[in-house]
Amino acid sequence: MYLEAKETARLYKLLTEKLGSDTTEAMFKYIDNKTERSVEATIKTLATKDDIAKVKYDLSKEIGESKADSIKWMFIFGVGQVGATLAIVFLFLKK
């Protein structure tokens, strides 16, 4: 961290000599603002533990609902199959 501050001070001094104080100050402010906005944008896109817990809860709820739907449709299909089989058996027994 100390080395980074030392390098920044050296860069500021060199740029001030070449570009002037106002230009160097404006450039450093621009870089700071751009970096800050980039960090804020990154933080907004990161998921927190609460976000992950909410997604996990919603997924388990949806999986449970889909399992219930699957079981319901399997039962309906099974009853239909039994009905069709009984109808075929009764047709053969009638003849």
PDB file of N, CA and C in Angstrom:
ATOM      1  N   MET A   1       0.825  -1.186   0.000  1.00  0.00           N
ATOM      2  CA  MET A   1       0.000   0.000   0.000  1.00  0.00           C
ATOM      3  C   MET A   1       0.871   1.252   0.000  1.00  0.00           C
ATOM      4  N   TYR A   2       1.953   1.248   0.799  1.00  0.00           N
ATOM      5  CA  TYR A   2       2.836   2.423   0.877  1.00  0.00           C
ATOM      6  C   TYR A   2       3.505   2.677  -0.464  1.00  0.00           C
ATOM      7  N   LEU A   3       3.943   1.617  -1.115  1.00  0.00           N
ATOM      8  CA  LEU A   3       4.610   1.750  -2.400  1.00  0.00           C
ATOM      9  C   LEU A   3       3.660   2.333  -3.438  1.00  0.00           C
ATOM     10  N   GLU A   4       2.415   1.937  -3.397  1.00  0.00           N
ATOM     11  CA  GLU A   4       1.425   2.446  -4.333  1.00  0.00           C
ATOM     12  C   GLU A   4       1.219   3.947  -4.140  1.00  0.00           C
ATOM     13  N   ALA A   5       1.124   4.409  -2.908  1.00  0.00           N
ATOM     14  CA  ALA A   5       0.961   5.833  -2.621  1.00  0.00           C
ATOM     15  C   ALA A   5       2.193   6.611  -3.062  1.00  0.00           C
ATOM     16  N   LYS A   6       3.356   6.039  -2.861  1.00  0.00           N
ATOM     17  CA  LYS A   6       4.602   6.689  -3.249  1.00  0.00           C
ATOM     18  C   LYS A   6       4.660   6.837  -4.778  1.00  0.00           C
ATOM     19  N   GLU A   7       4.244   5.779  -5.486  1.00  0.00           N
ATOM     20  CA  GLU A   7       4.225   5.833  -6.954  1.00  0.00           C
ATOM     21  C   GLU A   7       3.210   6.842  -7.459  1.00  0.00           C
ATOM     22  N   THR A   8       2.073   6.928  -6.808  1.00  0.00           N
ATOM     23  CA  THR A   8       1.047   7.888  -7.193  1.00  0.00           C
ATOM     24  C   THR A   8       1.555   9.317  -6.999  1.00  0.00           C
ATOM     25  N   ALA A   9       2.223   9.573  -5.878  1.00  0.00           N
ATOM     26  CA  ALA A   9       2.776  10.903  -5.624  1.00  0.00           C
ATOM     27  C   ALA A   9       3.830  11.256  -6.666  1.00  0.00           C
ATOM     28  N   ARG A  10       4.653  10.296  -7.034  1.00  0.00           N
ATOM     29  CA  ARG A  10       5.688  10.534  -8.051  1.00  0.00           C
ATOM     30  C   ARG A  10       5.052  10.821  -9.407  1.00  0.00           C
ATOM     31  N   LEU A  11       4.015  10.043  -9.759  1.00  0.00           N
ATOM     32  CA  LEU A  11       3.308  10.271 -11.012  1.00  0.00           C
ATOM     33  C   LEU A  11       2.657  11.646 -11.024  1.00  0.00           C
ATOM     34  N   TYR A  12       2.044  12.026  -9.905  1.00  0.00           N
ATOM     35  CA  TYR A  12       1.401  13.339  -9.797  1.00  0.00           C
ATOM     36  C   TYR A  12       2.431  14.452 -10.014  1.00  0.00           C
ATOM     37  N   LYS A  13       3.598  14.296  -9.410  1.00  0.00           N
ATOM     38  CA  LYS A  13       4.658  15.306  -9.536  1.00  0.00           C
ATOM     39  C   LYS A  13       5.126  15.415 -10.984  1.00  0.00           C
ATOM     40  N   LEU A  14       5.350  14.267 -11.637  1.00  0.00           N
ATOM     41  CA  LEU A  14       5.804  14.275 -13.030  1.00  0.00           C
ATOM     42  C   LEU A  14       4.772  14.898 -13.961  1.00  0.00           C
ATOM     43  N   LEU A  15       3.503  14.528 -13.757  1.00  0.00           N
ATOM     44  CA  LEU A  15       2.446  15.076 -14.618  1.00  0.00           C
ATOM     45  C   LEU A  15       2.243  16.565 -14.375  1.00  0.00           C
ATOM     46  N   THR A  16       2.396  16.991 -13.135  1.00  0.00           N
ATOM     47  CA  THR A  16       2.251  18.414 -12.820  1.00  0.00           C
ATOM     48  C   THR A  16       3.328  19.219 -13.533  1.00  0.00           C
ATOM     49  N   GLU A  17       4.525  18.685 -13.590  1.00  0.00           N
ATOM     50  CA  GLU A  17       5.613  19.374 -14.290  1.00  0.00           C
ATOM     51  C   GLU A  17       5.345  19.479 -15.786  1.00  0.00           C
ATOM     52  N   LYS A  18       4.742  18.430 -16.373  1.00  0.00           N
ATOM     53  CA  LYS A  18       4.507  18.403 -17.819  1.00  0.00           C
ATOM     54  C   LYS A  18       3.197  19.090 -18.217  1.00  0.00           C
ATOM     55  N   LEU A  19       2.120  18.821 -17.454  1.00  0.00           N
ATOM     56  CA  LEU A  19       0.789  19.277 -17.864  1.00  0.00           C
ATOM     57  C   LEU A  19       0.278  20.481 -17.083  1.00  0.00           C
ATOM     58  N   GLY A  20       0.832  20.708 -15.945  1.00  0.00           N
ATOM     59  CA  GLY A  20       0.333  21.780 -15.091  1.00  0.00           C
ATOM     60  C   GLY A  20      -0.529  21.209 -13.992  1.00  0.00           C
ATOM     61  N   SER A  21      -0.705  22.004 -12.963  1.00  0.00           N
ATOM     62  CA  SER A  21      -1.421  21.559 -11.768  1.00  0.00           C
ATOM     63  C   SER A  21      -2.900  21.306 -12.038  1.00  0.00           C
ATOM     64  N   ASP A  22      -3.564  22.235 -12.758  1.00  0.00           N
ATOM     65  CA  ASP A  22      -5.010  22.101 -13.007  1.00  0.00           C
ATOM     66  C   ASP A  22      -5.333  20.865 -13.851  1.00  0.00           C
ATOM     67  N   THR A  23      -4.571  20.648 -14.886  1.00  0.00           N
ATOM     68  CA  THR A  23      -4.812  19.505 -15.771  1.00  0.00           C
ATOM     69  C   THR A  23      -4.564  18.189 -15.039  1.00  0.00           C
ATOM     70  N   THR A  24      -3.488  18.146 -14.270  1.00  0.00           N
ATOM     71  CA  THR A  24      -3.171  16.932 -13.521  1.00  0.00           C
ATOM     72  C   THR A  24      -4.250  16.650 -12.487  1.00  0.00           C
ATOM     73  N   GLU A  25      -4.692  17.685 -11.800  1.00  0.00           N
ATOM     74  CA  GLU A  25      -5.752  17.521 -10.792  1.00  0.00           C
ATOM     75  C   GLU A  25      -7.039  17.021 -11.444  1.00  0.00           C
ATOM     76  N   ALA A  26      -7.402  17.589 -12.573  1.00  0.00           N
ATOM     77  CA  ALA A  26      -8.610  17.162 -13.289  1.00  0.00           C
ATOM     78  C   ALA A  26      -8.495  15.712 -13.744  1.00  0.00           C
ATOM     79  N   MET A  27      -7.310  15.333 -14.220  1.00  0.00           N
ATOM     80  CA  MET A  27      -7.108  13.965 -14.677  1.00  0.00           C
ATOM     81  C   MET A  27      -7.223  12.977 -13.515  1.00  0.00           C
ATOM     82  N   PHE A  28      -6.641  13.299 -12.375  1.00  0.00           N
ATOM     83  CA  PHE A  28      -6.718  12.413 -11.219  1.00  0.00           C
ATOM     84  C   PHE A  28      -8.162  12.302 -10.714  1.00  0.00           C
ATOM     85  N   LYS A  29      -8.906  13.409 -10.723  1.00  0.00           N
ATOM     86  CA  LYS A  29     -10.320  13.370 -10.306  1.00  0.00           C
ATOM     87  C   LYS A  29     -11.128  12.499 -11.258  1.00  0.00           C
ATOM     88  N   TYR A  30     -10.865  12.639 -12.557  1.00  0.00           N
ATOM     89  CA  TYR A  30     -11.573  11.836 -13.546  1.00  0.00           C
ATOM     90  C   TYR A  30     -11.319  10.344 -13.318  1.00  0.00           C
ATOM     91  N   ILE A  31     -10.064   9.988 -13.107  1.00  0.00           N
ATOM     92  CA  ILE A  31      -9.717   8.582 -12.878  1.00  0.00           C
ATOM     93  C   ILE A  31     -10.363   8.064 -11.598  1.00  0.00           C
ATOM     94  N   ASP A  32     -10.349   8.880 -10.536  1.00  0.00           N
ATOM     95  CA  ASP A  32     -10.987   8.469  -9.278  1.00  0.00           C
ATOM     96  C   ASP A  32     -12.484   8.255  -9.450  1.00  0.00           C
ATOM     97  N   ASN A  33     -13.148   9.196 -10.135  1.00  0.00           N
ATOM     98  CA  ASN A  33     -14.599   9.074 -10.351  1.00  0.00           C
ATOM     99  C   ASN A  33     -14.927   7.862 -11.209  1.00  0.00           C
ATOM    100  N   LYS A  34     -14.139   7.653 -12.261  1.00  0.00           N
ATOM    101  CA  LYS A  34     -14.373   6.513 -13.143  1.00  0.00           C
ATOM    102  C   LYS A  34     -14.188   5.196 -12.382  1.00  0.00           C
ATOM    103  N   THR A  35     -13.161   5.127 -11.564  1.00  0.00           N
ATOM    104  CA  THR A  35     -12.905   3.928 -10.771  1.00  0.00           C
ATOM    105  C   THR A  35     -14.024   3.696  -9.769  1.00  0.00           C
ATOM    106  N   GLU A  36     -14.462   4.769  -9.113  1.00  0.00           N
ATOM    107  CA  GLU A  36     -15.536   4.652  -8.120  1.00  0.00           C
ATOM    108  C   GLU A  36     -16.827   4.164  -8.764  1.00  0.00           C
ATOM    109  N   ARG A  37     -17.177   4.715  -9.935  1.00  0.00           N
ATOM    110  CA  ARG A  37     -18.397   4.275 -10.624  1.00  0.00           C
ATOM    111  C   ARG A  37     -18.290   2.817 -11.067  1.00  0.00           C
ATOM    112  N   SER A  38     -17.106   2.420 -11.477  1.00  0.00           N
ATOM    113  CA  SER A  38     -16.898   1.028 -11.887  1.00  0.00           C
ATOM    114  C   SER A  38     -17.067   0.078 -10.706  1.00  0.00           C
ATOM    115  N   VAL A  39     -16.529   0.454  -9.569  1.00  0.00           N
ATOM    116  CA  VAL A  39     -16.653  -0.371  -8.356  1.00  0.00           C
ATOM    117  C   VAL A  39     -18.115  -0.441  -7.918  1.00  0.00           C
ATOM    118  N   GLU A  40     -18.815   0.690  -7.950  1.00  0.00           N
ATOM    119  CA  GLU A  40     -20.233   0.705  -7.560  1.00  0.00           C
ATOM    120  C   GLU A  40     -21.068  -0.170  -8.484  1.00  0.00           C
ATOM    121  N   ALA A  41     -20.780  -0.121  -9.782  1.00  0.00           N
ATOM    122  CA  ALA A  41     -21.511  -0.960 -10.739  1.00  0.00           C
ATOM    123  C   ALA A  41     -21.247  -2.431 -10.473  1.00  0.00           C
ATOM    124  N   THR A  42     -20.016  -2.760 -10.137  1.00  0.00           N
ATOM    125  CA  THR A  42     -19.675  -4.146  -9.841  1.00  0.00           C
ATOM    126  C   THR A  42     -20.374  -4.619  -8.577  1.00  0.00           C
ATOM    127  N   ILE A  43     -20.415  -3.770  -7.567  1.00  0.00           N
ATOM    128  CA  ILE A  43     -21.070  -4.126  -6.302  1.00  0.00           C
ATOM    129  C   ILE A  43     -22.564  -4.372  -6.520  1.00  0.00           C
ATOM    130  N   LYS A  44     -23.191  -3.590  -7.395  1.00  0.00           N
ATOM    131  CA  LYS A  44     -24.622  -3.761  -7.650  1.00  0.00           C
ATOM    132  C   LYS A  44     -24.925  -5.097  -8.319  1.00  0.00           C
ATOM    133  N   THR A  45     -23.967  -5.642  -9.070  1.00  0.00           N
ATOM    134  CA  THR A  45     -24.229  -6.896  -9.774  1.00  0.00           C
ATOM    135  C   THR A  45     -23.859  -8.132  -8.963  1.00  0.00           C
ATOM    136  N   LEU A  46     -23.182  -7.952  -7.838  1.00  0.00           N
ATOM    137  CA  LEU A  46     -22.803  -9.099  -7.020  1.00  0.00           C
ATOM    138  C   LEU A  46     -23.988  -9.599  -6.214  1.00  0.00           C
ATOM    139  N   ALA A  47     -24.073 -10.886  -6.029  1.00  0.00           N
ATOM    140  CA  ALA A  47     -25.143 -11.484  -5.238  1.00  0.00           C
ATOM    141  C   ALA A  47     -24.713 -11.559  -3.772  1.00  0.00           C
ATOM    142  N   THR A  48     -25.657 -11.274  -2.896  1.00  0.00           N
ATOM    143  CA  THR A  48     -25.387 -11.383  -1.460  1.00  0.00           C
ATOM    144  C   THR A  48     -25.881 -12.740  -0.965  1.00  0.00           C
ATOM    145  N   LYS A  49     -25.580 -13.049   0.287  1.00  0.00           N
ATOM    146  CA  LYS A  49     -26.066 -14.301   0.877  1.00  0.00           C
ATOM    147  C   LYS A  49     -27.589 -14.317   0.890  1.00  0.00           C
ATOM    148  N   ASP A  50     -28.209 -13.164   1.148  1.00  0.00           N
ATOM    149  CA  ASP A  50     -29.671 -13.093   1.152  1.00  0.00           C
ATOM    150  C   ASP A  50     -30.238 -13.377  -0.238  1.00  0.00           C
ATOM    151  N   ASP A  51     -29.585 -12.834  -1.274  1.00  0.00           N
ATOM    152  CA  ASP A  51     -30.039 -13.102  -2.646  1.00  0.00           C
ATOM    153  C   ASP A  51     -29.979 -14.594  -2.961  1.00  0.00           C
ATOM    154  N   ILE A  52     -28.882 -15.219  -2.594  1.00  0.00           N
ATOM    155  CA  ILE A  52     -28.712 -16.650  -2.856  1.00  0.00           C
ATOM    156  C   ILE A  52     -29.723 -17.474  -2.068  1.00  0.00           C
ATOM    157  N   ALA A  53     -29.966 -17.093  -0.811  1.00  0.00           N
ATOM    158  CA  ALA A  53     -30.945 -17.813   0.008  1.00  0.00           C
ATOM    159  C   ALA A  53     -32.346 -17.685  -0.586  1.00  0.00           C
ATOM    160  N   LYS A  54     -32.676 -16.497  -1.089  1.00  0.00           N
ATOM    161  CA  LYS A  54     -34.000 -16.285  -1.691  1.00  0.00           C
ATOM    162  C   LYS A  54     -34.162 -17.131  -2.956  1.00  0.00           C
ATOM    163  N   VAL A  55     -33.138 -17.170  -3.784  1.00  0.00           N
ATOM    164  CA  VAL A  55     -33.196 -17.980  -5.002  1.00  0.00           C
ATOM    165  C   VAL A  55     -33.315 -19.462  -4.648  1.00  0.00           C
ATOM    166  N   LYS A  56     -32.562 -19.895  -3.639  1.00  0.00           N
ATOM    167  CA  LYS A  56     -32.617 -21.292  -3.206  1.00  0.00           C
ATOM    168  C   LYS A  56     -34.023 -21.642  -2.713  1.00  0.00           C
ATOM    169  N   TYR A  57     -34.635 -20.746  -1.937  1.00  0.00           N
ATOM    170  CA  TYR A  57     -35.989 -20.977  -1.434  1.00  0.00           C
ATOM    171  C   TYR A  57     -36.980 -21.045  -2.590  1.00  0.00           C
ATOM    172  N   ASP A  58     -36.875 -20.082  -3.530  1.00  0.00           N
ATOM    173  CA  ASP A  58     -37.803 -20.070  -4.669  1.00  0.00           C
ATOM    174  C   ASP A  58     -37.645 -21.326  -5.524  1.00  0.00           C
ATOM    175  N   LEU A  59     -36.399 -21.761  -5.729  1.00  0.00           N
ATOM    176  CA  LEU A  59     -36.177 -22.964  -6.534  1.00  0.00           C
ATOM    177  C   LEU A  59     -36.746 -24.203  -5.866  1.00  0.00           C
ATOM    178  N   SER A  60     -36.530 -24.331  -4.553  1.00  0.00           N
ATOM    179  CA  SER A  60     -37.065 -25.509  -3.871  1.00  0.00           C
ATOM    180  C   SER A  60     -38.590 -25.492  -3.888  1.00  0.00           C
ATOM    181  N   LYS A  61     -39.178 -24.309  -3.798  1.00  0.00           N
ATOM    182  CA  LYS A  61     -40.637 -24.186  -3.861  1.00  0.00           C
ATOM    183  C   LYS A  61     -41.142 -24.595  -5.247  1.00  0.00           C
ATOM    184  N   GLU A  62     -40.476 -24.128  -6.302  1.00  0.00           N
ATOM    185  CA  GLU A  62     -40.887 -24.479  -7.659  1.00  0.00           C
ATOM    186  C   GLU A  62     -40.681 -25.966  -7.943  1.00  0.00           C
ATOM    187  N   ILE A  63     -39.600 -26.536  -7.443  1.00  0.00           N
ATOM    188  CA  ILE A  63     -39.357 -27.967  -7.635  1.00  0.00           C
ATOM    189  C   ILE A  63     -40.440 -28.769  -6.942  1.00  0.00           C
ATOM    190  N   GLY A  64     -40.822 -28.375  -5.742  1.00  0.00           N
ATOM    191  CA  GLY A  64     -41.895 -29.063  -5.029  1.00  0.00           C
ATOM    192  C   GLY A  64     -43.206 -29.003  -5.787  1.00  0.00           C
ATOM    193  N   GLU A  65     -43.516 -27.812  -6.346  1.00  0.00           N
ATOM    194  CA  GLU A  65     -44.746 -27.670  -7.122  1.00  0.00           C
ATOM    195  C   GLU A  65     -44.706 -28.528  -8.383  1.00  0.00           C
ATOM    196  N   SER A  66     -43.542 -28.575  -9.049  1.00  0.00           N
ATOM    197  CA  SER A  66     -43.451 -29.376 -10.270  1.00  0.00           C
ATOM    198  C   SER A  66     -43.542 -30.869  -9.950  1.00  0.00           C
ATOM    199  N   LYS A  67     -42.998 -31.293  -8.804  1.00  0.00           N
ATOM    200  CA  LYS A  67     -43.132 -32.693  -8.403  1.00  0.00           C
ATOM    201  C   LYS A  67     -44.598 -33.035  -8.157  1.00  0.00           C
ATOM    202  N   ALA A  68     -45.320 -32.133  -7.496  1.00  0.00           N
ATOM    203  CA  ALA A  68     -46.738 -32.370  -7.231  1.00  0.00           C
ATOM    204  C   ALA A  68     -47.514 -32.467  -8.546  1.00  0.00           C
ATOM    205  N   ASP A  69     -47.190 -31.585  -9.497  1.00  0.00           N
ATOM    206  CA  ASP A  69     -47.839 -31.639 -10.802  1.00  0.00           C
ATOM    207  C   ASP A  69     -47.524 -32.954 -11.512  1.00  0.00           C
ATOM    208  N   SER A  70     -46.283 -33.382 -11.458  1.00  0.00           N
ATOM    209  CA  SER A  70     -45.888 -34.634 -12.113  1.00  0.00           C
ATOM    210  C   SER A  70     -46.634 -35.824 -11.516  1.00  0.00           C
ATOM    211  N   ILE A  71     -46.719 -35.856 -10.201  1.00  0.00           N
ATOM    212  CA  ILE A  71     -47.433 -36.959  -9.531  1.00  0.00           C
ATOM    213  C   ILE A  71     -48.907 -36.949  -9.921  1.00  0.00           C
ATOM    214  N   LYS A  72     -49.502 -35.757  -9.965  1.00  0.00           N
ATOM    215  CA  LYS A  72     -50.915 -35.644 -10.352  1.00  0.00           C
ATOM    216  C   LYS A  72     -51.122 -36.187 -11.759  1.00  0.00           C
ATOM    217  N   TRP A  73     -50.294 -35.764 -12.710  1.00  0.00           N
ATOM    218  CA  TRP A  73     -50.459 -36.218 -14.088  1.00  0.00           C
ATOM    219  C   TRP A  73     -50.127 -37.692 -14.252  1.00  0.00           C
ATOM    220  N   MET A  74     -49.204 -38.219 -13.466  1.00  0.00           N
ATOM    221  CA  MET A  74     -48.917 -39.658 -13.505  1.00  0.00           C
ATOM    222  C   MET A  74     -50.133 -40.445 -13.026  1.00  0.00           C
ATOM    223  N   PHE A  75     -50.788 -39.962 -11.983  1.00  0.00           N
ATOM    224  CA  PHE A  75     -51.993 -40.625 -11.477  1.00  0.00           C
ATOM    225  C   PHE A  75     -53.095 -40.606 -12.531  1.00  0.00           C
ATOM    226  N   ILE A  76     -53.294 -39.428 -13.154  1.00  0.00           N
ATOM    227  CA  ILE A  76     -54.331 -39.326 -14.191  1.00  0.00           C
ATOM    228  C   ILE A  76     -54.016 -40.258 -15.361  1.00  0.00           C
ATOM    229  N   PHE A  77     -52.759 -40.310 -15.778  1.00  0.00           N
ATOM    230  CA  PHE A  77     -52.360 -41.190 -16.867  1.00  0.00           C
ATOM    231  C   PHE A  77     -52.574 -42.655 -16.482  1.00  0.00           C
ATOM    232  N   GLY A  78     -52.210 -43.007 -15.258  1.00  0.00           N
ATOM    233  CA  GLY A  78     -52.384 -44.389 -14.796  1.00  0.00           C
ATOM    234  C   GLY A  78     -53.844 -44.795 -14.778  1.00  0.00           C
ATOM    235  N   VAL A  79     -54.718 -43.903 -14.291  1.00  0.00           N
ATOM    236  CA  VAL A  79     -56.159 -44.195 -14.274  1.00  0.00           C
ATOM    237  C   VAL A  79     -56.670 -44.360 -15.698  1.00  0.00           C
ATOM    238  N   GLY A  80     -56.184 -43.520 -16.598  1.00  0.00           N
ATOM    239  CA  GLY A  80     -56.587 -43.638 -18.008  1.00  0.00           C
ATOM    240  C   GLY A  80     -56.143 -44.962 -18.611  1.00  0.00           C
ATOM    241  N   GLN A  81     -54.942 -45.391 -18.265  1.00  0.00           N
ATOM    242  CA  GLN A  81     -54.439 -46.662 -18.773  1.00  0.00           C
ATOM    243  C   GLN A  81     -55.254 -47.838 -18.244  1.00  0.00           C
ATOM    244  N   VAL A  82     -55.554 -47.788 -16.958  1.00  0.00           N
ATOM    245  CA  VAL A  82     -56.373 -48.853 -16.362  1.00  0.00           C
ATOM    246  C   VAL A  82     -57.746 -48.876 -17.020  1.00  0.00           C
ATOM    247  N   GLY A  83     -58.328 -47.697 -17.238  1.00  0.00           N
ATOM    248  CA  GLY A  83     -59.629 -47.618 -17.896  1.00  0.00           C
ATOM    249  C   GLY A  83     -59.581 -48.184 -19.308  1.00  0.00           C
ATOM    250  N   ALA A  84     -58.554 -47.841 -20.064  1.00  0.00           N
ATOM    251  CA  ALA A  84     -58.422 -48.347 -21.435  1.00  0.00           C
ATOM    252  C   ALA A  84     -58.225 -49.856 -21.432  1.00  0.00           C
ATOM    253  N   THR A  85     -57.424 -50.359 -20.505  1.00  0.00           N
ATOM    254  CA  THR A  85     -57.189 -51.806 -20.419  1.00  0.00           C
ATOM    255  C   THR A  85     -58.474 -52.537 -20.063  1.00  0.00           C
ATOM    256  N   LEU A  86     -59.224 -52.011 -19.097  1.00  0.00           N
ATOM    257  CA  LEU A  86     -60.502 -52.643 -18.726  1.00  0.00           C
ATOM    258  C   LEU A  86     -61.485 -52.627 -19.883  1.00  0.00           C
ATOM    259  N   ALA A  87     -61.515 -51.526 -20.638  1.00  0.00           N
ATOM    260  CA  ALA A  87     -62.420 -51.452 -21.785  1.00  0.00           C
ATOM    261  C   ALA A  87     -62.064 -52.520 -22.822  1.00  0.00           C
ATOM    262  N   ILE A  88     -60.785 -52.706 -23.080  1.00  0.00           N
ATOM    263  CA  ILE A  88     -60.357 -53.728 -24.044  1.00  0.00           C
ATOM    264  C   ILE A  88     -60.695 -55.122 -23.536  1.00  0.00           C
ATOM    265  N   VAL A  89     -60.484 -55.382 -22.247  1.00  0.00           N
ATOM    266  CA  VAL A  89     -60.807 -56.694 -21.666  1.00  0.00           C
ATOM    267  C   VAL A  89     -62.301 -56.957 -21.772  1.00  0.00           C
ATOM    268  N   PHE A  90     -63.128 -55.966 -21.438  1.00  0.00           N
ATOM    269  CA  PHE A  90     -64.587 -56.148 -21.527  1.00  0.00           C
ATOM    270  C   PHE A  90     -65.038 -56.356 -22.961  1.00  0.00           C
ATOM    271  N   LEU A  91     -64.394 -55.698 -23.919  1.00  0.00           N
ATOM    272  CA  LEU A  91     -64.745 -55.915 -25.327  1.00  0.00           C
ATOM    273  C   LEU A  91     -64.440 -57.359 -25.759  1.00  0.00           C
ATOM    274  N   PHE A  92     -63.310 -57.895 -25.328  1.00  0.00           N
ATOM    275  CA  PHE A  92     -62.985 -59.280 -25.655  1.00  0.00           C
ATOM    276  C   PHE A  92     -63.908 -60.272 -24.967  1.00  0.00           C
ATOM    277  N   LEU A  93     -64.293 -59.956 -23.701  1.00  0.00           N
ATOM    278  CA  LEU A  93     -65.161 -60.872 -22.979  1.00  0.00           C
ATOM    279  C   LEU A  93     -66.591 -60.891 -23.550  1.00  0.00           C
ATOM    280  N   LYS A  94     -67.032 -59.798 -24.144  1.00  0.00           N
ATOM    281  CA  LYS A  94     -68.365 -59.738 -24.720  1.00  0.00           C
ATOM    282  C   LYS A  94     -68.487 -60.629 -25.951  1.00  0.00           C
ATOM    283  N   LYS A  95     -67.445 -60.784 -26.685  1.00  0.00           N
ATOM    284  CA  LYS A  95     -67.498 -61.559 -27.934  1.00  0.00           C
ATOM    285  C   LYS A  95     -67.420 -62.977 -27.664  1.00  0.00           C
TER     286      LYS A  95
END
